[in-house]
Amino acid sequence: MAAESPQLEAKARVQYLEIAARSFVAKVPSERVPFRYGINPYRGCEFGCKYCYARYAHEFMELRDPLDFERRIFVKHFDPKLFRDELRRLPTGESIAIGTATDPYQPAERRYRVTRAMLAVFAQTSGFRVGITTKSQLVARDLDLLQEMSRRHFVTVSMTITTADADLARALEPMAPRPDLRLSAVRKLVRGGVRATVFCAPILPLINDSDASLDSLAQAASAAGAQAFGGNVLFLKPCAKQVFLPFLEEKFPALVRRYRERFDRSAYLRGDYPDRIKERVTRIRRRYGFEERFETQAEPELWPRDPQLSLFEV
């Protein structure tokens, strides 16, 4: 299917192609994540994050160069009826994450609006726990749909911000929006009544893991009205190492040996480092009152109270 995908448009460094989709909602078997189903409106992501774990996904389409992930973006041909039918088969209360492997608000979304089309279907349904993960302020464009969804589903927008330092963010995530733009989107969503959080991911050893760095981001998240703050430690799959290690050699050469030693045998960091970072994030979260701010969401106005009722309105 990828080989037969017609080209939609080409820019200086990125090629957009259209790809057919047999389904839009994928079951996620991993116990590491707090959701059972995932949706990715696009395959590939133009943001070009140096640490991206999802680059391997293009290998399923026989694209072996890890840079193809950010240079060849596949736009899923959206079929609203097929999408509705898939959602209809899911039980009430299921957790669905949008943007599990590729950002649903990457630059392609400005052109092709697949994410918005999907949210429009969600805005006609009820009964799911929907999480959206992004690094783009473009999510605020869809405030109208997110507000309607929040009347029908438990909705959370999780804004990923790796650092409040704009220069470091540009080095780590060359094509992603600036941190201040992402924070402005959080502020707009919260003021509009949509639940929004800030997540620092990944936390990279000796790069953005200091108390000062995490504190600066948490303080900015608090000022923006974010209703939660958290973070995850870096993990490096082989496909990510092919891009991340050359990045370290260029920008942080003194750290290359340490990273190679620690990620040589496993994609995940071992030892007490993850626990110490977890404790640091917890302290900072308490420092800015996120523990008190994070409240259980009230049941949405149009949440289906009778499990026999259809999830879809006529």
Protein backbone atom coordinates (compact mmCIF):
# COMPACT_ATOMS: atom_id res chain seq x y z
CA MET A 1 0.00 0.00 0.00
CA ALA A 2 2.83 2.39 0.81
CA ALA A 3 4.58 1.69 -2.48
CA GLU A 4 1.40 2.46 -4.39
CA SER A 5 0.60 5.64 -2.48
CA PRO A 6 0.08 8.64 -4.78
CA GLN A 7 2.00 11.80 -4.02
CA LEU A 8 -0.16 14.65 -2.72
CA GLU A 9 2.49 17.34 -2.49
CA ALA A 10 6.23 17.80 -2.07
CA LYS A 11 8.15 20.49 -0.18
CA ALA A 12 11.88 21.08 -0.06
CA ARG A 13 12.50 18.34 2.49
CA VAL A 14 9.17 16.54 2.88
CA GLN A 15 7.00 14.46 0.60
CA TYR A 16 3.30 13.97 1.38
CA LEU A 17 1.60 10.82 0.13
CA GLU A 18 -1.91 9.47 0.51
CA ILE A 19 -2.35 5.98 1.88
CA ALA A 20 -5.48 3.87 2.16
CA ALA A 21 -6.49 2.68 5.62
CA ARG A 22 -8.18 -0.64 6.33
CA SER A 23 -8.93 0.62 9.83
CA PHE A 24 -8.27 3.73 11.92
CA VAL A 25 -8.52 2.38 15.46
CA ALA A 26 -5.79 -0.03 16.53
CA LYS A 27 -5.79 -2.16 19.66
CA VAL A 28 -2.69 -1.54 21.78
CA PRO A 29 -1.63 -4.72 23.62
CA SER A 30 1.14 -3.12 25.71
CA GLU A 31 0.70 -2.95 29.48
CA ARG A 32 3.13 0.00 29.64
CA VAL A 33 0.45 2.46 28.50
CA PRO A 34 -2.83 3.53 30.15
CA PHE A 35 -5.04 3.05 27.09
CA ARG A 36 -6.36 0.14 25.06
CA TYR A 37 -6.78 1.72 21.62
CA GLY A 38 -4.69 4.11 19.56
CA ILE A 39 -5.37 6.36 16.58
CA ASN A 40 -2.75 7.93 14.32
CA PRO A 41 -4.17 10.09 11.51
CA TYR A 42 -0.75 10.14 9.82
CA ARG A 43 2.17 7.78 9.33
CA GLY A 44 5.48 9.52 9.84
CA CYS A 45 6.02 12.84 11.59
CA GLU A 46 7.63 15.97 10.22
CA PHE A 47 8.74 17.36 13.60
CA GLY A 48 11.97 15.34 13.36
CA CYS A 49 12.53 14.84 17.10
CA LYS A 50 16.03 13.42 17.56
CA TYR A 51 14.91 10.87 20.17
CA CYS A 52 11.73 9.67 18.41
CA TYR A 53 10.93 6.05 19.26
CA ALA A 54 8.39 5.62 16.44
CA ARG A 55 10.79 5.71 13.51
CA TYR A 56 10.65 1.92 13.29
CA ALA A 57 7.03 2.18 12.09
CA HIS A 58 8.19 3.07 8.58
CA GLU A 59 10.11 -0.19 8.45
CA PHE A 60 6.76 -1.98 8.15
CA MET A 61 6.43 -0.18 4.81
CA GLU A 62 9.94 -1.28 3.77
CA LEU A 63 11.38 2.19 4.35
CA ARG A 64 14.64 1.46 6.18
CA ASP A 65 16.25 4.88 6.41
CA PRO A 66 15.24 6.28 9.84
CA LEU A 67 15.10 9.77 8.31
CA ASP A 68 12.29 8.64 5.98
CA PHE A 69 10.02 8.87 9.02
CA GLU A 70 10.25 12.65 8.95
CA ARG A 71 10.64 13.08 5.19
CA ARG A 72 7.87 10.86 3.84
CA ILE A 73 4.55 11.61 5.53
CA PHE A 74 1.63 9.35 4.69
CA VAL A 75 -1.80 10.94 4.99
CA LYS A 76 -4.51 8.41 5.71
CA HIS A 77 -7.47 8.57 3.35
CA PHE A 78 -10.25 9.25 5.82
CA ASP A 79 -13.61 7.48 5.57
CA PRO A 80 -16.04 8.89 8.17
CA LYS A 81 -18.44 5.95 7.86
CA LEU A 82 -15.70 3.38 8.42
CA PHE A 83 -14.46 5.36 11.41
CA ARG A 84 -17.97 5.60 12.91
CA ASP A 85 -18.46 1.87 12.47
CA GLU A 86 -15.18 1.14 14.25
CA LEU A 87 -16.10 3.33 17.20
CA ARG A 88 -19.56 1.82 17.35
CA ARG A 89 -18.04 -1.61 18.00
CA LEU A 90 -16.12 -0.41 21.08
CA PRO A 91 -17.68 -0.74 24.54
CA THR A 92 -18.67 2.31 26.53
CA GLY A 93 -15.83 3.64 28.66
CA GLU A 94 -12.96 2.43 26.48
CA SER A 95 -9.78 4.52 26.56
CA ILE A 96 -8.58 5.83 23.18
CA ALA A 97 -5.32 7.73 22.61
CA ILE A 98 -4.88 9.95 19.56
CA GLY A 99 -1.24 10.49 18.58
CA THR A 100 0.44 7.39 19.99
CA ALA A 101 3.17 7.22 17.33
CA THR A 102 2.86 10.36 15.20
CA ASP A 103 1.74 13.85 16.13
CA PRO A 104 -1.87 14.44 15.06
CA TYR A 105 -1.16 18.19 14.73
CA GLN A 106 2.05 18.08 12.70
CA PRO A 107 2.29 20.45 9.68
CA ALA A 108 0.39 18.02 7.45
CA GLU A 109 -2.74 18.63 9.53
CA ARG A 110 -2.90 22.25 8.36
CA ARG A 111 -3.25 20.97 4.80
CA TYR A 112 -5.25 17.76 5.12
CA ARG A 113 -7.27 18.16 8.37
CA VAL A 114 -7.61 14.42 9.01
CA THR A 115 -7.41 14.92 12.77
CA ARG A 116 -10.16 17.52 12.71
CA ALA A 117 -12.35 15.20 10.63
CA MET A 118 -11.89 12.47 13.23
CA LEU A 119 -12.74 14.83 16.10
CA ALA A 120 -15.91 15.82 14.24
CA VAL A 121 -17.02 12.18 14.43
CA PHE A 122 -16.15 11.99 18.13
CA ALA A 123 -18.27 15.14 18.62
CA GLN A 124 -21.28 13.12 17.43
CA THR A 125 -20.63 10.18 19.77
CA SER A 126 -20.39 9.71 23.50
CA GLY A 127 -18.95 7.36 26.06
CA PHE A 128 -15.17 7.20 25.58
CA ARG A 129 -12.07 8.33 27.45
CA VAL A 130 -10.16 10.24 24.80
CA GLY A 131 -6.58 11.45 25.18
CA ILE A 132 -4.79 13.60 22.61
CA THR A 133 -1.00 13.93 22.71
CA THR A 134 0.70 16.66 20.70
CA LYS A 135 3.59 19.13 20.54
CA SER A 136 1.71 21.71 18.53
CA GLN A 137 -0.33 24.80 19.31
CA LEU A 138 -2.51 23.84 16.32
CA VAL A 139 -4.62 21.76 18.70
CA ALA A 140 -6.23 25.01 19.91
CA ARG A 141 -7.68 25.48 16.43
CA ASP A 142 -10.10 22.67 17.25
CA LEU A 143 -11.34 24.18 20.52
CA ASP A 144 -14.92 24.13 19.23
CA LEU A 145 -14.87 20.38 18.63
CA LEU A 146 -12.96 19.66 21.83
CA GLN A 147 -15.57 21.59 23.81
CA GLU A 148 -18.37 19.53 22.28
CA MET A 149 -16.41 16.33 22.84
CA SER A 150 -15.95 17.27 26.50
CA ARG A 151 -19.73 17.25 26.88
CA ARG A 152 -19.79 13.65 25.67
CA HIS A 153 -16.48 12.03 26.61
CA PHE A 154 -13.76 12.28 29.23
CA VAL A 155 -11.26 14.35 27.19
CA THR A 156 -7.67 15.28 28.03
CA VAL A 157 -5.17 17.09 25.82
CA SER A 158 -1.61 16.29 26.86
CA MET A 159 0.87 18.85 25.58
CA THR A 160 4.38 17.42 25.38
CA ILE A 161 7.04 20.01 26.18
CA THR A 162 10.56 18.68 26.58
CA THR A 163 12.06 21.91 27.90
CA ALA A 164 11.19 25.55 28.45
CA ASP A 165 14.54 26.48 26.84
CA ALA A 166 13.66 27.48 23.26
CA ASP A 167 17.19 26.91 21.93
CA LEU A 168 17.44 23.43 23.40
CA ALA A 169 13.94 22.60 22.15
CA ARG A 170 14.92 23.69 18.63
CA ALA A 171 17.97 21.42 18.72
CA LEU A 172 16.03 18.41 20.04
CA GLU A 173 12.85 18.94 18.00
CA PRO A 174 13.88 20.93 14.91
CA MET A 175 10.47 21.33 13.28
CA ALA A 176 8.20 21.39 16.34
CA PRO A 177 6.60 24.64 17.58
CA ARG A 178 8.38 26.67 20.25
CA PRO A 179 7.64 25.83 23.91
CA ASP A 180 5.93 29.19 24.49
CA LEU A 181 3.51 28.54 21.63
CA ARG A 182 2.61 25.17 23.10
CA LEU A 183 2.03 26.76 26.50
CA SER A 184 -0.21 29.40 24.94
CA ALA A 185 -2.32 26.62 23.48
CA VAL A 186 -2.63 25.00 26.91
CA ARG A 187 -3.80 28.33 28.32
CA LYS A 188 -6.41 28.72 25.55
CA LEU A 189 -7.73 25.18 25.98
CA VAL A 190 -8.07 25.50 29.75
CA ARG A 191 -9.83 28.84 29.46
CA GLY A 192 -12.17 27.19 26.97
CA GLY A 193 -13.10 24.48 29.44
CA VAL A 194 -10.99 21.67 27.96
CA ARG A 195 -8.81 19.65 30.31
CA ALA A 196 -5.14 20.09 29.38
CA THR A 197 -1.91 18.85 30.94
CA VAL A 198 1.82 19.30 30.33
CA PHE A 199 4.12 16.32 30.04
CA CYS A 200 7.92 16.47 29.87
CA ALA A 201 8.94 13.64 27.59
CA PRO A 202 11.53 12.49 27.30
CA ILE A 203 13.63 13.46 30.28
CA LEU A 204 17.18 13.10 28.98
CA PRO A 205 20.06 12.44 31.39
CA LEU A 206 22.33 15.46 31.86
CA ILE A 207 20.42 17.45 29.22
CA ASN A 208 17.02 18.45 30.62
CA ASP A 209 16.82 16.41 33.84
CA SER A 210 18.09 18.94 36.38
CA ASP A 211 15.84 20.28 39.09
CA ALA A 212 16.20 23.76 37.61
CA SER A 213 15.17 22.62 34.13
CA LEU A 214 12.16 20.63 35.27
CA ASP A 215 11.16 23.33 37.74
CA SER A 216 11.21 25.99 35.02
CA LEU A 217 8.89 23.92 32.86
CA ALA A 218 6.54 23.07 35.73
CA GLN A 219 6.35 26.73 36.72
CA ALA A 220 5.42 27.70 33.14
CA ALA A 221 2.86 24.88 32.97
CA SER A 222 1.29 26.06 36.21
CA ALA A 223 1.10 29.65 34.96
CA ALA A 224 -0.64 28.40 31.81
CA GLY A 225 -3.27 26.65 33.92
CA ALA A 226 -2.26 23.08 33.13
CA GLN A 227 -4.21 20.66 35.29
CA ALA A 228 -1.39 18.14 35.63
CA PHE A 229 2.35 17.85 35.11
CA GLY A 230 4.54 14.78 34.66
CA GLY A 231 7.42 13.28 32.77
CA ASN A 232 9.01 10.10 31.44
CA VAL A 233 12.66 9.13 31.17
CA LEU A 234 14.18 8.64 27.73
CA PHE A 235 14.22 5.23 26.13
CA LEU A 236 16.15 4.56 22.93
CA LYS A 237 15.05 1.96 20.43
CA PRO A 238 17.66 0.94 17.83
CA CYS A 239 15.98 3.07 15.16
CA ALA A 240 16.14 6.12 17.45
CA LYS A 241 19.80 5.53 18.32
CA GLN A 242 20.71 5.88 14.64
CA VAL A 243 19.57 9.50 14.77
CA PHE A 244 20.08 10.42 18.43
CA LEU A 245 23.71 9.35 18.86
CA PRO A 246 24.98 11.38 15.88
CA PHE A 247 23.00 14.30 17.34
CA LEU A 248 24.84 13.86 20.65
CA GLU A 249 28.19 13.70 18.88
CA GLU A 250 27.43 17.08 17.30
CA LYS A 251 25.73 18.91 20.19
CA PHE A 252 26.82 17.10 23.38
CA PRO A 253 30.03 15.19 22.56
CA ALA A 254 31.00 14.84 26.23
CA LEU A 255 27.88 12.73 26.83
CA VAL A 256 28.28 10.25 23.99
CA ARG A 257 30.28 7.66 25.93
CA ARG A 258 27.88 7.66 28.88
CA TYR A 259 24.85 7.26 26.65
CA ARG A 260 26.46 4.45 24.67
CA GLU A 261 27.34 2.58 27.86
CA ARG A 262 23.89 2.94 29.39
CA PHE A 263 21.87 2.13 26.27
CA ASP A 264 24.19 -0.50 24.83
CA ARG A 265 22.22 -3.54 26.00
CA SER A 266 18.75 -2.18 26.52
CA ALA A 267 16.46 0.53 25.20
CA TYR A 268 15.54 1.33 28.80
CA LEU A 269 17.70 2.83 31.53
CA ARG A 270 18.49 0.51 34.43
CA GLY A 271 19.51 1.24 38.01
CA ASP A 272 18.14 3.87 40.35
CA TYR A 273 18.15 6.77 37.87
CA PRO A 274 14.48 6.36 36.79
CA ASP A 275 13.40 6.22 40.44
CA ARG A 276 15.37 9.36 41.31
CA ILE A 277 13.82 11.24 38.39
CA LYS A 278 10.37 10.06 39.41
CA GLU A 279 10.97 11.42 42.92
CA ARG A 280 12.25 14.72 41.50
CA VAL A 281 9.18 15.16 39.30
CA THR A 282 6.92 14.34 42.25
CA ARG A 283 8.59 16.99 44.42
CA ILE A 284 8.29 19.60 41.69
CA ARG A 285 4.67 18.67 41.06
CA ARG A 286 3.91 19.26 44.73
CA ARG A 287 5.90 22.50 44.69
CA TYR A 288 3.43 24.02 42.23
CA GLY A 289 0.29 22.47 43.66
CA PHE A 290 -0.40 20.03 40.85
CA GLU A 291 -1.36 17.33 43.36
CA GLU A 292 -4.27 19.49 44.54
CA ARG A 293 -5.10 20.77 41.04
CA PHE A 294 -5.44 17.29 39.57
CA GLU A 295 -9.04 16.46 40.34
CA THR A 296 -11.22 13.61 39.15
CA GLN A 297 -13.11 14.70 36.07
CA ALA A 298 -16.83 15.14 36.53
CA GLU A 299 -19.01 12.91 34.41
CA PRO A 300 -19.64 14.58 31.04
CA GLU A 301 -23.06 16.08 30.51
CA LEU A 302 -24.00 13.66 27.71
CA TRP A 303 -22.21 10.57 29.03
CA PRO A 304 -24.38 7.49 28.21
CA ARG A 305 -25.86 6.36 31.51
CA ASP A 306 -27.67 3.36 30.04
CA PRO A 307 -25.14 0.89 28.53
CA GLN A 308 -27.86 -0.40 26.20
CA LEU A 309 -28.25 2.98 24.54
CA SER A 310 -26.48 3.50 21.25
CA LEU A 311 -23.24 5.47 21.38
CA PHE A 312 -24.43 7.39 18.36
CA GLU A 313 -27.16 9.95 18.13
CA VAL A 314 -29.52 9.99 15.19
